[in-house]
Amino acid sequence: MLHITCDYCHREIRAESNHRYVVKIEVYAAHDPTVLTEADLEEDHMEAVSQLLQEAEDNLIDPDDINPAHKSFRYDLCPECHKKFLNDPLGKEAAQKFHFSEN
């Protein structure tokens, strides 16, 4: 039997009830295309790529330091947490509720 819990409140969601919601989030680098100019077309791109590869070899970049260009997340939510998520998907309201005293 499949056991599913809400990824927000950790309550068990019973498989026999259809009251479960799935939230999928994709995060990726935005790419805004630039306008090509005559200078871009005349540039030797193979030389630029060769130079970038040489710099990468010289610096020996650690693969763990590179952020992934694309990441996906999937969450199961119970009906109550689903409502909370729809009202505040980025959690901004929850973050603003904290008031710290000035010590």
C-alpha atoms as a PDB file:
ATOM      1  CA  MET A   1       0.000   0.000   0.000  1.00  0.00           C
ATOM      2  CA  LEU A   2       1.254   3.428  -0.944  1.00  0.00           C
ATOM      3  CA  HIS A   3       1.764   5.895   1.926  1.00  0.00           C
ATOM      4  CA  ILE A   4       1.722   9.571   1.024  1.00  0.00           C
ATOM      5  CA  THR A   5       2.332  12.428   3.412  1.00  0.00           C
ATOM      6  CA  CYS A   6       1.824  16.133   2.910  1.00  0.00           C
ATOM      7  CA  ASP A   7       5.201  17.697   2.205  1.00  0.00           C
ATOM      8  CA  TYR A   8       4.174  20.818   4.134  1.00  0.00           C
ATOM      9  CA  CYS A   9       2.473  19.643   7.333  1.00  0.00           C
ATOM     10  CA  HIS A  10       3.610  15.976   7.215  1.00  0.00           C
ATOM     11  CA  ARG A  11       0.109  14.591   7.775  1.00  0.00           C
ATOM     12  CA  GLU A  12      -0.711  11.299   6.121  1.00  0.00           C
ATOM     13  CA  ILE A  13      -2.823  11.564   2.987  1.00  0.00           C
ATOM     14  CA  ARG A  14      -4.932   8.469   2.541  1.00  0.00           C
ATOM     15  CA  ALA A  15      -4.601   6.876  -0.878  1.00  0.00           C
ATOM     16  CA  GLU A  16      -8.294   5.946  -1.044  1.00  0.00           C
ATOM     17  CA  SER A  17      -9.336   9.607  -0.880  1.00  0.00           C
ATOM     18  CA  ASN A  18      -8.752  11.760  -3.931  1.00  0.00           C
ATOM     19  CA  HIS A  19      -8.019  14.829  -1.831  1.00  0.00           C
ATOM     20  CA  ARG A  20      -4.376  15.235  -2.694  1.00  0.00           C
ATOM     21  CA  TYR A  21      -2.717  17.946  -4.723  1.00  0.00           C
ATOM     22  CA  VAL A  22       0.586  17.925  -6.562  1.00  0.00           C
ATOM     23  CA  VAL A  23       2.699  21.062  -6.941  1.00  0.00           C
ATOM     24  CA  LYS A  24       5.433  21.038  -9.572  1.00  0.00           C
ATOM     25  CA  ILE A  25       7.991  23.826  -9.684  1.00  0.00           C
ATOM     26  CA  GLU A  26      10.590  24.380 -12.379  1.00  0.00           C
ATOM     27  CA  VAL A  27      13.529  26.723 -11.882  1.00  0.00           C
ATOM     28  CA  TYR A  28      15.742  27.641 -14.809  1.00  0.00           C
ATOM     29  CA  ALA A  29      17.948  30.466 -15.965  1.00  0.00           C
ATOM     30  CA  ALA A  30      16.074  33.056 -17.979  1.00  0.00           C
ATOM     31  CA  HIS A  31      17.495  33.801 -21.372  1.00  0.00           C
ATOM     32  CA  ASP A  32      16.512  36.990 -23.081  1.00  0.00           C
ATOM     33  CA  PRO A  33      17.760  36.944 -26.671  1.00  0.00           C
ATOM     34  CA  THR A  34      19.780  39.948 -27.662  1.00  0.00           C
ATOM     35  CA  VAL A  35      19.734  41.737 -30.975  1.00  0.00           C
ATOM     36  CA  LEU A  36      22.415  40.611 -33.419  1.00  0.00           C
ATOM     37  CA  THR A  37      24.611  43.321 -34.857  1.00  0.00           C
ATOM     38  CA  GLU A  38      26.998  43.315 -37.794  1.00  0.00           C
ATOM     39  CA  ALA A  39      29.900  43.162 -35.326  1.00  0.00           C
ATOM     40  CA  ASP A  40      28.465  39.951 -33.831  1.00  0.00           C
ATOM     41  CA  LEU A  41      28.331  38.342 -37.253  1.00  0.00           C
ATOM     42  CA  GLU A  42      31.890  39.361 -38.082  1.00  0.00           C
ATOM     43  CA  GLU A  43      33.370  38.112 -34.783  1.00  0.00           C
ATOM     44  CA  ASP A  44      35.410  34.881 -34.849  1.00  0.00           C
ATOM     45  CA  HIS A  45      33.296  32.738 -32.529  1.00  0.00           C
ATOM     46  CA  MET A  46      35.598  29.714 -32.771  1.00  0.00           C
ATOM     47  CA  GLU A  47      38.417  31.805 -31.331  1.00  0.00           C
ATOM     48  CA  ALA A  48      36.172  32.975 -28.475  1.00  0.00           C
ATOM     49  CA  VAL A  49      35.153  29.376 -27.670  1.00  0.00           C
ATOM     50  CA  SER A  50      38.780  28.267 -27.781  1.00  0.00           C
ATOM     51  CA  GLN A  51      39.729  31.040 -25.374  1.00  0.00           C
ATOM     52  CA  LEU A  52      36.900  30.103 -22.947  1.00  0.00           C
ATOM     53  CA  LEU A  53      37.998  26.460 -22.981  1.00  0.00           C
ATOM     54  CA  GLN A  54      41.600  27.460 -22.317  1.00  0.00           C
ATOM     55  CA  GLU A  55      40.534  29.659 -19.385  1.00  0.00           C
ATOM     56  CA  ALA A  56      38.426  26.820 -17.967  1.00  0.00           C
ATOM     57  CA  GLU A  57      41.390  24.441 -18.142  1.00  0.00           C
ATOM     58  CA  ASP A  58      43.679  26.961 -16.497  1.00  0.00           C
ATOM     59  CA  ASN A  59      41.265  27.666 -13.643  1.00  0.00           C
ATOM     60  CA  LEU A  60      40.156  24.040 -13.160  1.00  0.00           C
ATOM     61  CA  ILE A  61      36.568  24.840 -12.209  1.00  0.00           C
ATOM     62  CA  ASP A  62      35.118  22.547  -9.536  1.00  0.00           C
ATOM     63  CA  PRO A  63      31.868  20.995 -10.875  1.00  0.00           C
ATOM     64  CA  ASP A  64      30.292  21.371  -7.406  1.00  0.00           C
ATOM     65  CA  ASP A  65      30.656  25.156  -7.700  1.00  0.00           C
ATOM     66  CA  ILE A  66      28.498  25.300 -10.830  1.00  0.00           C
ATOM     67  CA  ASN A  67      24.770  25.850 -10.230  1.00  0.00           C
ATOM     68  CA  PRO A  68      22.492  23.668 -12.333  1.00  0.00           C
ATOM     69  CA  ALA A  69      20.766  25.489 -15.173  1.00  0.00           C
ATOM     70  CA  HIS A  70      17.503  23.634 -14.572  1.00  0.00           C
ATOM     71  CA  LYS A  71      15.952  22.165 -11.435  1.00  0.00           C
ATOM     72  CA  SER A  72      12.521  20.609 -10.849  1.00  0.00           C
ATOM     73  CA  PHE A  73      10.640  20.072  -7.601  1.00  0.00           C
ATOM     74  CA  ARG A  74       7.487  18.042  -6.869  1.00  0.00           C
ATOM     75  CA  TYR A  75       5.408  18.238  -3.690  1.00  0.00           C
ATOM     76  CA  ASP A  76       2.279  16.446  -2.445  1.00  0.00           C
ATOM     77  CA  LEU A  77      -0.137  18.636  -0.469  1.00  0.00           C
ATOM     78  CA  CYS A  78      -3.212  17.906   1.620  1.00  0.00           C
ATOM     79  CA  PRO A  79      -6.332  20.055   0.933  1.00  0.00           C
ATOM     80  CA  GLU A  80      -5.579  22.490   3.801  1.00  0.00           C
ATOM     81  CA  CYS A  81      -1.984  23.083   2.741  1.00  0.00           C
ATOM     82  CA  HIS A  82      -3.110  23.348  -0.878  1.00  0.00           C
ATOM     83  CA  LYS A  83      -5.327  26.295   0.087  1.00  0.00           C
ATOM     84  CA  LYS A  84      -2.452  27.914   2.006  1.00  0.00           C
ATOM     85  CA  PHE A  85      -0.134  27.442  -0.966  1.00  0.00           C
ATOM     86  CA  LEU A  86      -2.592  29.007  -3.424  1.00  0.00           C
ATOM     87  CA  ASN A  87      -3.046  32.048  -1.158  1.00  0.00           C
ATOM     88  CA  ASP A  88       0.704  32.593  -0.698  1.00  0.00           C
ATOM     89  CA  PRO A  89       2.762  30.504  -3.168  1.00  0.00           C
ATOM     90  CA  LEU A  90       6.075  32.223  -2.394  1.00  0.00           C
ATOM     91  CA  GLY A  91       5.588  32.264   1.377  1.00  0.00           C
ATOM     92  CA  LYS A  92       5.910  36.041   1.569  1.00  0.00           C
ATOM     93  CA  GLU A  93       3.114  36.504   4.097  1.00  0.00           C
ATOM     94  CA  ALA A  94       4.516  33.800   6.372  1.00  0.00           C
ATOM     95  CA  ALA A  95       7.959  35.430   6.257  1.00  0.00           C
ATOM     96  CA  GLN A  96       6.540  38.834   7.200  1.00  0.00           C
ATOM     97  CA  LYS A  97       4.807  37.519  10.335  1.00  0.00           C
ATOM     98  CA  PHE A  98       8.081  37.304  12.249  1.00  0.00           C
ATOM     99  CA  HIS A  99       8.812  40.344  14.377  1.00  0.00           C
ATOM    100  CA  PHE A 100      12.125  40.320  16.184  1.00  0.00           C
ATOM    101  CA  SER A 101      12.804  42.551  19.143  1.00  0.00           C
ATOM    102  CA  GLU A 102      15.767  44.884  19.013  1.00  0.00           C
ATOM    103  CA  ASN A 103      18.181  43.712  21.715  1.00  0.00           C
END
